[in-house]
């Protein structure tokens, strides 16, 4: 199964609604440097709770985690600095340039 490069997924325990793991995208070795750097920063934020740009990973509150049990979706947020390669706009632009 293949996932979009600019998305990460979280696995949630059905009984407790707690975050269990992240599914992080694998990216090709031939990806451009800006794309690789953006994805690496997203991985670091997921694995360590903070991006190198110093933006923290913000986990949903308990009610949102419980709701994820039925909706099967959990939004984890990292508000990267605008110039960070891991920022949504920057990584989307890098992906669009690479796919051209």
PDB file of N, CA and C in Angstrom:
ATOM      1  N   UNK A   1       0.850  -1.178   0.000  1.00  0.00           N
ATOM      2  CA  UNK A   1       0.000   0.000   0.000  1.00  0.00           C
ATOM      3  C   UNK A   1       0.895   1.241   0.000  1.00  0.00           C
ATOM      4  N   UNK A   2       0.521   2.223  -0.773  1.00  0.00           N
ATOM      5  CA  UNK A   2       1.305   3.443  -0.886  1.00  0.00           C
ATOM      6  C   UNK A   2       0.526   4.622  -0.298  1.00  0.00           C
ATOM      7  N   UNK A   3       1.227   5.499   0.408  1.00  0.00           N
ATOM      8  CA  UNK A   3       0.620   6.677   1.009  1.00  0.00           C
ATOM      9  C   UNK A   3       1.233   7.925   0.387  1.00  0.00           C
ATOM     10  N   UNK A   4       0.498   9.024   0.362  1.00  0.00           N
ATOM     11  CA  UNK A   4       1.080  10.281  -0.123  1.00  0.00           C
ATOM     12  C   UNK A   4       2.302  10.652   0.715  1.00  0.00           C
ATOM     13  N   UNK A   5       3.316  11.199   0.050  1.00  0.00           N
ATOM     14  CA  UNK A   5       4.560  11.534   0.739  1.00  0.00           C
ATOM     15  C   UNK A   5       4.390  12.636   1.769  1.00  0.00           C
ATOM     16  N   UNK A   6       3.403  13.504   1.583  1.00  0.00           N
ATOM     17  CA  UNK A   6       3.276  14.645   2.488  1.00  0.00           C
ATOM     18  C   UNK A   6       2.334  14.392   3.659  1.00  0.00           C
ATOM     19  N   UNK A   7       1.899  13.136   3.853  1.00  0.00           N
ATOM     20  CA  UNK A   7       1.018  12.804   4.972  1.00  0.00           C
ATOM     21  C   UNK A   7       1.678  11.803   5.903  1.00  0.00           C
ATOM     22  N   UNK A   8       1.314  11.891   7.163  1.00  0.00           N
ATOM     23  CA  UNK A   8       1.726  10.914   8.173  1.00  0.00           C
ATOM     24  C   UNK A   8       0.454  10.453   8.870  1.00  0.00           C
ATOM     25  N   UNK A   9       0.438   9.225   9.281  1.00  0.00           N
ATOM     26  CA  UNK A   9      -0.744   8.670   9.923  1.00  0.00           C
ATOM     27  C   UNK A   9      -0.398   8.206  11.327  1.00  0.00           C
ATOM     28  N   UNK A  10      -1.383   8.280  12.199  1.00  0.00           N
ATOM     29  CA  UNK A  10      -1.203   7.828  13.576  1.00  0.00           C
ATOM     30  C   UNK A  10      -2.101   6.619  13.812  1.00  0.00           C
ATOM     31  N   UNK A  11      -1.598   5.649  14.546  1.00  0.00           N
ATOM     32  CA  UNK A  11      -2.402   4.496  14.951  1.00  0.00           C
ATOM     33  C   UNK A  11      -2.918   4.747  16.357  1.00  0.00           C
ATOM     34  N   UNK A  12      -4.201   4.524  16.544  1.00  0.00           N
ATOM     35  CA  UNK A  12      -4.872   4.791  17.811  1.00  0.00           C
ATOM     36  C   UNK A  12      -5.414   3.486  18.386  1.00  0.00           C
ATOM     37  N   UNK A  13      -5.220   3.284  19.665  1.00  0.00           N
ATOM     38  CA  UNK A  13      -5.774   2.119  20.350  1.00  0.00           C
ATOM     39  C   UNK A  13      -7.290   2.254  20.375  1.00  0.00           C
ATOM     40  N   UNK A  14      -7.999   1.255  19.844  1.00  0.00           N
ATOM     41  CA  UNK A  14      -9.463   1.309  19.772  1.00  0.00           C
ATOM     42  C   UNK A  14     -10.125   1.383  21.142  1.00  0.00           C
ATOM     43  N   UNK A  15      -9.525   0.784  22.147  1.00  0.00           N
ATOM     44  CA  UNK A  15     -10.139   0.757  23.471  1.00  0.00           C
ATOM     45  C   UNK A  15      -9.892   2.027  24.274  1.00  0.00           C
ATOM     46  N   UNK A  16      -8.667   2.552  24.187  1.00  0.00           N
ATOM     47  CA  UNK A  16      -8.329   3.694  25.037  1.00  0.00           C
ATOM     48  C   UNK A  16      -8.314   5.030  24.304  1.00  0.00           C
ATOM     49  N   UNK A  17      -8.206   4.973  22.968  1.00  0.00           N
ATOM     50  CA  UNK A  17      -8.096   6.207  22.208  1.00  0.00           C
ATOM     51  C   UNK A  17      -6.709   6.816  22.286  1.00  0.00           C
ATOM     52  N   UNK A  18      -5.756   6.095  22.855  1.00  0.00           N
ATOM     53  CA  UNK A  18      -4.387   6.609  23.002  1.00  0.00           C
ATOM     54  C   UNK A  18      -3.592   6.416  21.719  1.00  0.00           C
ATOM     55  N   UNK A  19      -2.661   7.321  21.482  1.00  0.00           N
ATOM     56  CA  UNK A  19      -1.751   7.236  20.354  1.00  0.00           C
ATOM     57  C   UNK A  19      -0.816   6.054  20.564  1.00  0.00           C
ATOM     58  N   UNK A  20      -0.727   5.171  19.581  1.00  0.00           N
ATOM     59  CA  UNK A  20       0.106   3.981  19.689  1.00  0.00           C
ATOM     60  C   UNK A  20       1.368   4.116  18.851  1.00  0.00           C
ATOM     61  N   UNK A  21       1.220   4.591  17.628  1.00  0.00           N
ATOM     62  CA  UNK A  21       2.370   4.679  16.724  1.00  0.00           C
ATOM     63  C   UNK A  21       2.055   5.616  15.570  1.00  0.00           C
ATOM     64  N   UNK A  22       3.096   6.014  14.871  1.00  0.00           N
ATOM     65  CA  UNK A  22       2.951   6.786  13.646  1.00  0.00           C
ATOM     66  C   UNK A  22       3.346   5.912  12.464  1.00  0.00           C
ATOM     67  N   UNK A  23       2.688   6.113  11.338  1.00  0.00           N
ATOM     68  CA  UNK A  23       3.107   5.517  10.080  1.00  0.00           C
ATOM     69  C   UNK A  23       3.736   6.659   9.293  1.00  0.00           C
ATOM     70  N   UNK A  24       5.025   6.567   9.085  1.00  0.00           N
ATOM     71  CA  UNK A  24       5.764   7.633   8.428  1.00  0.00           C
ATOM     72  C   UNK A  24       6.050   7.235   6.981  1.00  0.00           C
ATOM     73  N   UNK A  25       5.959   8.182   6.056  1.00  0.00           N
ATOM     74  CA  UNK A  25       6.164   7.829   4.651  1.00  0.00           C
ATOM     75  C   UNK A  25       7.611   7.457   4.360  1.00  0.00           C
ATOM     76  N   UNK A  26       7.760   6.479   3.492  1.00  0.00           N
ATOM     77  CA  UNK A  26       9.079   6.134   2.982  1.00  0.00           C
ATOM     78  C   UNK A  26       9.254   6.939   1.707  1.00  0.00           C
ATOM     79  N   UNK A  27      10.416   7.494   1.510  1.00  0.00           N
ATOM     80  CA  UNK A  27      10.582   8.303   0.308  1.00  0.00           C
ATOM     81  C   UNK A  27      11.782   7.824  -0.491  1.00  0.00           C
ATOM     82  N   UNK A  28      11.701   7.995  -1.807  1.00  0.00           N
ATOM     83  CA  UNK A  28      12.760   7.482  -2.672  1.00  0.00           C
ATOM     84  C   UNK A  28      14.093   8.196  -2.455  1.00  0.00           C
ATOM     85  N   UNK A  29      15.172   7.467  -2.660  1.00  0.00           N
ATOM     86  CA  UNK A  29      16.505   8.042  -2.525  1.00  0.00           C
ATOM     87  C   UNK A  29      16.744   9.161  -3.529  1.00  0.00           C
ATOM     88  N   UNK A  30      16.074   9.117  -4.659  1.00  0.00           N
ATOM     89  CA  UNK A  30      16.302  10.123  -5.697  1.00  0.00           C
ATOM     90  C   UNK A  30      15.426  11.375  -5.532  1.00  0.00           C
ATOM     91  N   UNK A  31      14.734  11.477  -4.420  1.00  0.00           N
ATOM     92  CA  UNK A  31      13.930  12.682  -4.163  1.00  0.00           C
ATOM     93  C   UNK A  31      14.859  13.887  -4.031  1.00  0.00           C
ATOM     94  N   UNK A  32      14.402  15.062  -4.487  1.00  0.00           N
ATOM     95  CA  UNK A  32      15.248  16.259  -4.362  1.00  0.00           C
ATOM     96  C   UNK A  32      15.520  16.591  -2.889  1.00  0.00           C
ATOM     97  N   UNK A  33      16.625  17.278  -2.659  1.00  0.00           N
ATOM     98  CA  UNK A  33      17.048  17.601  -1.299  1.00  0.00           C
ATOM     99  C   UNK A  33      15.979  18.326  -0.497  1.00  0.00           C
ATOM    100  N   UNK A  34      15.279  19.288  -1.101  1.00  0.00           N
ATOM    101  CA  UNK A  34      14.271  20.050  -0.352  1.00  0.00           C
ATOM    102  C   UNK A  34      13.115  19.142   0.091  1.00  0.00           C
ATOM    103  N   UNK A  35      12.769  18.166  -0.732  1.00  0.00           N
ATOM    104  CA  UNK A  35      11.702  17.222  -0.379  1.00  0.00           C
ATOM    105  C   UNK A  35      12.177  16.304   0.748  1.00  0.00           C
ATOM    106  N   UNK A  36      13.383  15.786   0.603  1.00  0.00           N
ATOM    107  CA  UNK A  36      13.936  14.899   1.628  1.00  0.00           C
ATOM    108  C   UNK A  36      14.055  15.628   2.967  1.00  0.00           C
ATOM    109  N   UNK A  37      14.538  16.868   2.939  1.00  0.00           N
ATOM    110  CA  UNK A  37      14.699  17.633   4.184  1.00  0.00           C
ATOM    111  C   UNK A  37      13.355  17.871   4.857  1.00  0.00           C
ATOM    112  N   UNK A  38      12.328  18.205   4.075  1.00  0.00           N
ATOM    113  CA  UNK A  38      10.995  18.412   4.643  1.00  0.00           C
ATOM    114  C   UNK A  38      10.453  17.151   5.302  1.00  0.00           C
ATOM    115  N   UNK A  39      10.625  16.015   4.629  1.00  0.00           N
ATOM    116  CA  UNK A  39      10.138  14.751   5.187  1.00  0.00           C
ATOM    117  C   UNK A  39      10.944  14.323   6.408  1.00  0.00           C
ATOM    118  N   UNK A  40      12.246  14.548   6.368  1.00  0.00           N
ATOM    119  CA  UNK A  40      13.081  14.223   7.531  1.00  0.00           C
ATOM    120  C   UNK A  40      12.647  15.044   8.739  1.00  0.00           C
ATOM    121  N   UNK A  41      12.379  16.323   8.527  1.00  0.00           N
ATOM    122  CA  UNK A  41      11.944  17.171   9.643  1.00  0.00           C
ATOM    123  C   UNK A  41      10.598  16.713  10.198  1.00  0.00           C
ATOM    124  N   UNK A  42       9.700  16.266   9.338  1.00  0.00           N
ATOM    125  CA  UNK A  42       8.418  15.745   9.822  1.00  0.00           C
ATOM    126  C   UNK A  42       8.619  14.468  10.626  1.00  0.00           C
ATOM    127  N   UNK A  43       9.523  13.629  10.169  1.00  0.00           N
ATOM    128  CA  UNK A  43       9.830  12.410  10.940  1.00  0.00           C
ATOM    129  C   UNK A  43      10.402  12.752  12.304  1.00  0.00           C
ATOM    130  N   UNK A  44      11.340  13.682  12.324  1.00  0.00           N
ATOM    131  CA  UNK A  44      11.937  14.079  13.598  1.00  0.00           C
ATOM    132  C   UNK A  44      10.884  14.631  14.550  1.00  0.00           C
ATOM    133  N   UNK A  45       9.961  15.425  14.030  1.00  0.00           N
ATOM    134  CA  UNK A  45       8.893  15.967  14.877  1.00  0.00           C
ATOM    135  C   UNK A  45       8.028  14.837  15.430  1.00  0.00           C
ATOM    136  N   UNK A  46       7.717  13.840  14.580  1.00  0.00           N
ATOM    137  CA  UNK A  46       6.886  12.718  15.030  1.00  0.00           C
ATOM    138  C   UNK A  46       7.621  11.856  16.051  1.00  0.00           C
ATOM    139  N   UNK A  47       8.895  11.620  15.820  1.00  0.00           N
ATOM    140  CA  UNK A  47       9.655  10.728  16.691  1.00  0.00           C
ATOM    141  C   UNK A  47      10.115  11.373  17.987  1.00  0.00           C
ATOM    142  N   UNK A  48      10.405  12.673  17.947  1.00  0.00           N
ATOM    143  CA  UNK A  48      10.971  13.345  19.116  1.00  0.00           C
ATOM    144  C   UNK A  48      10.063  14.410  19.727  1.00  0.00           C
ATOM    145  N   UNK A  49       8.929  14.686  19.058  1.00  0.00           N
ATOM    146  CA  UNK A  49       7.989  15.651  19.613  1.00  0.00           C
ATOM    147  C   UNK A  49       8.304  17.099  19.303  1.00  0.00           C
ATOM    148  N   UNK A  50       9.353  17.330  18.519  1.00  0.00           N
ATOM    149  CA  UNK A  50       9.742  18.706  18.175  1.00  0.00           C
ATOM    150  C   UNK A  50      10.538  18.674  16.875  1.00  0.00           C
ATOM    151  N   UNK A  51      10.243  19.629  16.006  1.00  0.00           N
ATOM    152  CA  UNK A  51      10.975  19.787  14.749  1.00  0.00           C
ATOM    153  C   UNK A  51      12.275  20.548  15.019  1.00  0.00           C
ATOM    154  N   UNK A  52      13.290  20.375  14.173  1.00  0.00           N
ATOM    155  CA  UNK A  52      14.491  21.192  14.323  1.00  0.00           C
ATOM    156  C   UNK A  52      14.229  22.699  14.232  1.00  0.00           C
ATOM    157  N   UNK A  53      13.096  23.112  13.639  1.00  0.00           N
ATOM    158  CA  UNK A  53      12.758  24.544  13.617  1.00  0.00           C
ATOM    159  C   UNK A  53      12.213  24.987  14.969  1.00  0.00           C
ATOM    160  N   UNK A  54      12.155  24.062  15.923  1.00  0.00           N
ATOM    161  CA  UNK A  54      11.716  24.268  17.303  1.00  0.00           C
ATOM    162  C   UNK A  54      10.200  24.246  17.488  1.00  0.00           C
ATOM    163  N   UNK A  55       9.465  23.875  16.457  1.00  0.00           N
ATOM    164  CA  UNK A  55       8.009  23.767  16.581  1.00  0.00           C
ATOM    165  C   UNK A  55       7.655  22.452  17.285  1.00  0.00           C
ATOM    166  N   UNK A  56       6.860  22.507  18.344  1.00  0.00           N
ATOM    167  CA  UNK A  56       6.489  21.278  19.056  1.00  0.00           C
ATOM    168  C   UNK A  56       5.342  20.547  18.362  1.00  0.00           C
ATOM    169  N   UNK A  57       5.299  19.238  18.557  1.00  0.00           N
ATOM    170  CA  UNK A  57       4.159  18.457  18.099  1.00  0.00           C
ATOM    171  C   UNK A  57       3.059  18.626  19.149  1.00  0.00           C
ATOM    172  N   UNK A  58       1.865  18.976  18.712  1.00  0.00           N
ATOM    173  CA  UNK A  58       0.738  19.192  19.615  1.00  0.00           C
ATOM    174  C   UNK A  58      -0.217  18.009  19.472  1.00  0.00           C
ATOM    175  N   UNK A  59      -0.292  17.220  20.524  1.00  0.00           N
ATOM    176  CA  UNK A  59      -1.184  16.062  20.507  1.00  0.00           C
ATOM    177  C   UNK A  59      -2.606  16.489  20.861  1.00  0.00           C
ATOM    178  N   UNK A  60      -3.587  15.812  20.298  1.00  0.00           N
ATOM    179  CA  UNK A  60      -4.975  16.121  20.625  1.00  0.00           C
ATOM    180  C   UNK A  60      -5.268  15.854  22.098  1.00  0.00           C
ATOM    181  N   UNK A  61      -6.287  16.537  22.600  1.00  0.00           N
ATOM    182  CA  UNK A  61      -6.666  16.306  23.993  1.00  0.00           C
ATOM    183  C   UNK A  61      -7.386  14.965  24.123  1.00  0.00           C
ATOM    184  N   UNK A  62      -7.697  14.589  25.335  1.00  0.00           N
ATOM    185  CA  UNK A  62      -8.294  13.275  25.604  1.00  0.00           C
ATOM    186  C   UNK A  62      -9.618  13.072  24.877  1.00  0.00           C
ATOM    187  N   UNK A  63     -10.469  14.088  24.840  1.00  0.00           N
ATOM    188  CA  UNK A  63     -11.763  13.971  24.153  1.00  0.00           C
ATOM    189  C   UNK A  63     -11.560  13.741  22.654  1.00  0.00           C
ATOM    190  N   UNK A  64     -10.603  14.429  22.063  1.00  0.00           N
ATOM    191  CA  UNK A  64     -10.320  14.237  20.637  1.00  0.00           C
ATOM    192  C   UNK A  64      -9.764  12.840  20.370  1.00  0.00           C
ATOM    193  N   UNK A  65      -8.946  12.331  21.278  1.00  0.00           N
ATOM    194  CA  UNK A  65      -8.414  10.977  21.116  1.00  0.00           C
ATOM    195  C   UNK A  65      -9.530   9.944  21.230  1.00  0.00           C
ATOM    196  N   UNK A  66     -10.468  10.162  22.151  1.00  0.00           N
ATOM    197  CA  UNK A  66     -11.608   9.242  22.273  1.00  0.00           C
ATOM    198  C   UNK A  66     -12.458   9.270  21.008  1.00  0.00           C
ATOM    199  N   UNK A  67     -12.680  10.467  20.480  1.00  0.00           N
ATOM    200  CA  UNK A  67     -13.475  10.615  19.260  1.00  0.00           C
ATOM    201  C   UNK A  67     -12.795   9.888  18.094  1.00  0.00           C
ATOM    202  N   UNK A  68     -11.486   9.839  18.114  1.00  0.00           N
ATOM    203  CA  UNK A  68     -10.730   9.152  17.058  1.00  0.00           C
ATOM    204  C   UNK A  68     -11.053   7.665  17.016  1.00  0.00           C
ATOM    205  N   UNK A  69     -11.480   7.115  18.136  1.00  0.00           N
ATOM    206  CA  UNK A  69     -11.845   5.697  18.156  1.00  0.00           C
ATOM    207  C   UNK A  69     -12.981   5.404  17.194  1.00  0.00           C
ATOM    208  N   UNK A  70     -13.942   6.311  17.087  1.00  0.00           N
ATOM    209  CA  UNK A  70     -15.076   6.071  16.196  1.00  0.00           C
ATOM    210  C   UNK A  70     -14.868   6.686  14.818  1.00  0.00           C
ATOM    211  N   UNK A  71     -14.175   7.793  14.759  1.00  0.00           N
ATOM    212  CA  UNK A  71     -13.955   8.457  13.476  1.00  0.00           C
ATOM    213  C   UNK A  71     -12.729   7.922  12.750  1.00  0.00           C
ATOM    214  N   UNK A  72     -11.883   7.194  13.468  1.00  0.00           N
ATOM    215  CA  UNK A  72     -10.669   6.598  12.905  1.00  0.00           C
ATOM    216  C   UNK A  72      -9.748   7.645  12.277  1.00  0.00           C
ATOM    217  N   UNK A  73      -9.739   8.819  12.857  1.00  0.00           N
ATOM    218  CA  UNK A  73      -8.843   9.870  12.383  1.00  0.00           C
ATOM    219  C   UNK A  73      -8.408  10.722  13.559  1.00  0.00           C
ATOM    220  N   UNK A  74      -7.126  10.979  13.623  1.00  0.00           N
ATOM    221  CA  UNK A  74      -6.568  11.796  14.693  1.00  0.00           C
ATOM    222  C   UNK A  74      -5.659  12.838  14.069  1.00  0.00           C
ATOM    223  N   UNK A  75      -5.898  14.069  14.377  1.00  0.00           N
ATOM    224  CA  UNK A  75      -5.077  15.157  13.845  1.00  0.00           C
ATOM    225  C   UNK A  75      -4.012  15.538  14.858  1.00  0.00           C
ATOM    226  N   UNK A  76      -2.784  15.342  14.476  1.00  0.00           N
ATOM    227  CA  UNK A  76      -1.645  15.771  15.274  1.00  0.00           C
ATOM    228  C   UNK A  76      -1.067  16.977  14.557  1.00  0.00           C
ATOM    229  N   UNK A  77      -0.774  18.032  15.287  1.00  0.00           N
ATOM    230  CA  UNK A  77      -0.375  19.285  14.657  1.00  0.00           C
ATOM    231  C   UNK A  77       1.064  19.657  15.021  1.00  0.00           C
ATOM    232  N   UNK A  78       1.792  20.109  14.021  1.00  0.00           N
ATOM    233  CA  UNK A  78       3.097  20.730  14.222  1.00  0.00           C
ATOM    234  C   UNK A  78       3.059  22.025  13.434  1.00  0.00           C
ATOM    235  N   UNK A  79       3.113  23.143  14.120  1.00  0.00           N
ATOM    236  CA  UNK A  79       3.079  24.446  13.460  1.00  0.00           C
ATOM    237  C   UNK A  79       4.512  24.867  13.137  1.00  0.00           C
ATOM    238  N   UNK A  80       5.024  24.299  12.041  1.00  0.00           N
ATOM    239  CA  UNK A  80       6.389  24.603  11.616  1.00  0.00           C
ATOM    240  C   UNK A  80       6.519  26.096  11.326  1.00  0.00           C
ATOM    241  N   UNK A  81       7.714  26.615  11.491  1.00  0.00           N
ATOM    242  CA  UNK A  81       7.985  28.000  11.120  1.00  0.00           C
ATOM    243  C   UNK A  81       7.813  28.129   9.610  1.00  0.00           C
ATOM    244  N   UNK A  82       7.362  29.270   9.121  1.00  0.00           N
ATOM    245  CA  UNK A  82       7.086  29.425   7.682  1.00  0.00           C
ATOM    246  C   UNK A  82       8.261  29.078   6.762  1.00  0.00           C
ATOM    247  N   UNK A  83       9.491  29.281   7.215  1.00  0.00           N
ATOM    248  CA  UNK A  83      10.641  28.978   6.367  1.00  0.00           C
ATOM    249  C   UNK A  83      11.130  27.532   6.516  1.00  0.00           C
ATOM    250  N   UNK A  84      10.541  26.762   7.403  1.00  0.00           N
ATOM    251  CA  UNK A  84      10.947  25.375   7.636  1.00  0.00           C
ATOM    252  C   UNK A  84      10.555  24.496   6.441  1.00  0.00           C
ATOM    253  N   UNK A  85      11.458  23.636   5.968  1.00  0.00           N
ATOM    254  CA  UNK A  85      11.129  22.727   4.871  1.00  0.00           C
ATOM    255  C   UNK A  85       9.987  21.761   5.211  1.00  0.00           C
ATOM    256  N   UNK A  86       9.712  21.535   6.494  1.00  0.00           N
ATOM    257  CA  UNK A  86       8.633  20.639   6.905  1.00  0.00           C
ATOM    258  C   UNK A  86       7.265  21.302   6.958  1.00  0.00           C
ATOM    259  N   UNK A  87       7.199  22.611   6.757  1.00  0.00           N
ATOM    260  CA  UNK A  87       5.931  23.344   6.750  1.00  0.00           C
ATOM    261  C   UNK A  87       5.043  22.834   5.620  1.00  0.00           C
ATOM    262  N   UNK A  88       3.739  22.757   5.859  1.00  0.00           N
ATOM    263  CA  UNK A  88       2.804  22.225   4.860  1.00  0.00           C
ATOM    264  C   UNK A  88       2.964  22.880   3.490  1.00  0.00           C
ATOM    265  N   UNK A  89       3.034  24.204   3.460  1.00  0.00           N
ATOM    266  CA  UNK A  89       3.137  24.911   2.176  1.00  0.00           C
ATOM    267  C   UNK A  89       4.458  24.605   1.478  1.00  0.00           C
ATOM    268  N   UNK A  90       5.537  24.569   2.231  1.00  0.00           N
ATOM    269  CA  UNK A  90       6.855  24.308   1.636  1.00  0.00           C
ATOM    270  C   UNK A  90       6.974  22.888   1.122  1.00  0.00           C
ATOM    271  N   UNK A  91       6.466  21.935   1.874  1.00  0.00           N
ATOM    272  CA  UNK A  91       6.576  20.541   1.439  1.00  0.00           C
ATOM    273  C   UNK A  91       5.638  20.274   0.258  1.00  0.00           C
ATOM    274  N   UNK A  92       4.470  20.917   0.240  1.00  0.00           N
ATOM    275  CA  UNK A  92       3.552  20.761  -0.901  1.00  0.00           C
ATOM    276  C   UNK A  92       4.174  21.361  -2.164  1.00  0.00           C
ATOM    277  N   UNK A  93       4.829  22.517  -2.029  1.00  0.00           N
ATOM    278  CA  UNK A  93       5.479  23.147  -3.180  1.00  0.00           C
ATOM    279  C   UNK A  93       6.641  22.290  -3.681  1.00  0.00           C
ATOM    280  N   UNK A  94       7.423  21.744  -2.764  1.00  0.00           N
ATOM    281  CA  UNK A  94       8.550  20.876  -3.163  1.00  0.00           C
ATOM    282  C   UNK A  94       8.042  19.626  -3.866  1.00  0.00           C
ATOM    283  N   UNK A  95       6.963  19.054  -3.369  1.00  0.00           N
ATOM    284  CA  UNK A  95       6.371  17.863  -3.980  1.00  0.00           C
ATOM    285  C   UNK A  95       5.839  18.189  -5.378  1.00  0.00           C
ATOM    286  N   UNK A  96       5.174  19.336  -5.528  1.00  0.00           N
ATOM    287  CA  UNK A  96       4.644  19.737  -6.837  1.00  0.00           C
ATOM    288  C   UNK A  96       5.773  19.952  -7.847  1.00  0.00           C
ATOM    289  N   UNK A  97       6.872  20.590  -7.424  1.00  0.00           N
ATOM    290  CA  UNK A  97       8.013  20.810  -8.330  1.00  0.00           C
ATOM    291  C   UNK A  97       8.621  19.475  -8.744  1.00  0.00           C
ATOM    292  N   UNK A  98       8.711  18.550  -7.798  1.00  0.00           N
ATOM    293  CA  UNK A  98       9.315  17.248  -8.092  1.00  0.00           C
ATOM    294  C   UNK A  98       8.441  16.435  -9.043  1.00  0.00           C
ATOM    295  N   UNK A  99       7.127  16.528  -8.905  1.00  0.00           N
ATOM    296  CA  UNK A  99       6.210  15.726  -9.717  1.00  0.00           C
ATOM    297  C   UNK A  99       6.051  16.261 -11.140  1.00  0.00           C
ATOM    298  N   UNK A 100       6.537  17.488 -11.403  1.00  0.00           N
ATOM    299  CA  UNK A 100       6.407  18.055 -12.761  1.00  0.00           C
ATOM    300  C   UNK A 100       7.229  17.306 -13.755  1.00  0.00           C
TER     301      UNK A 100
END
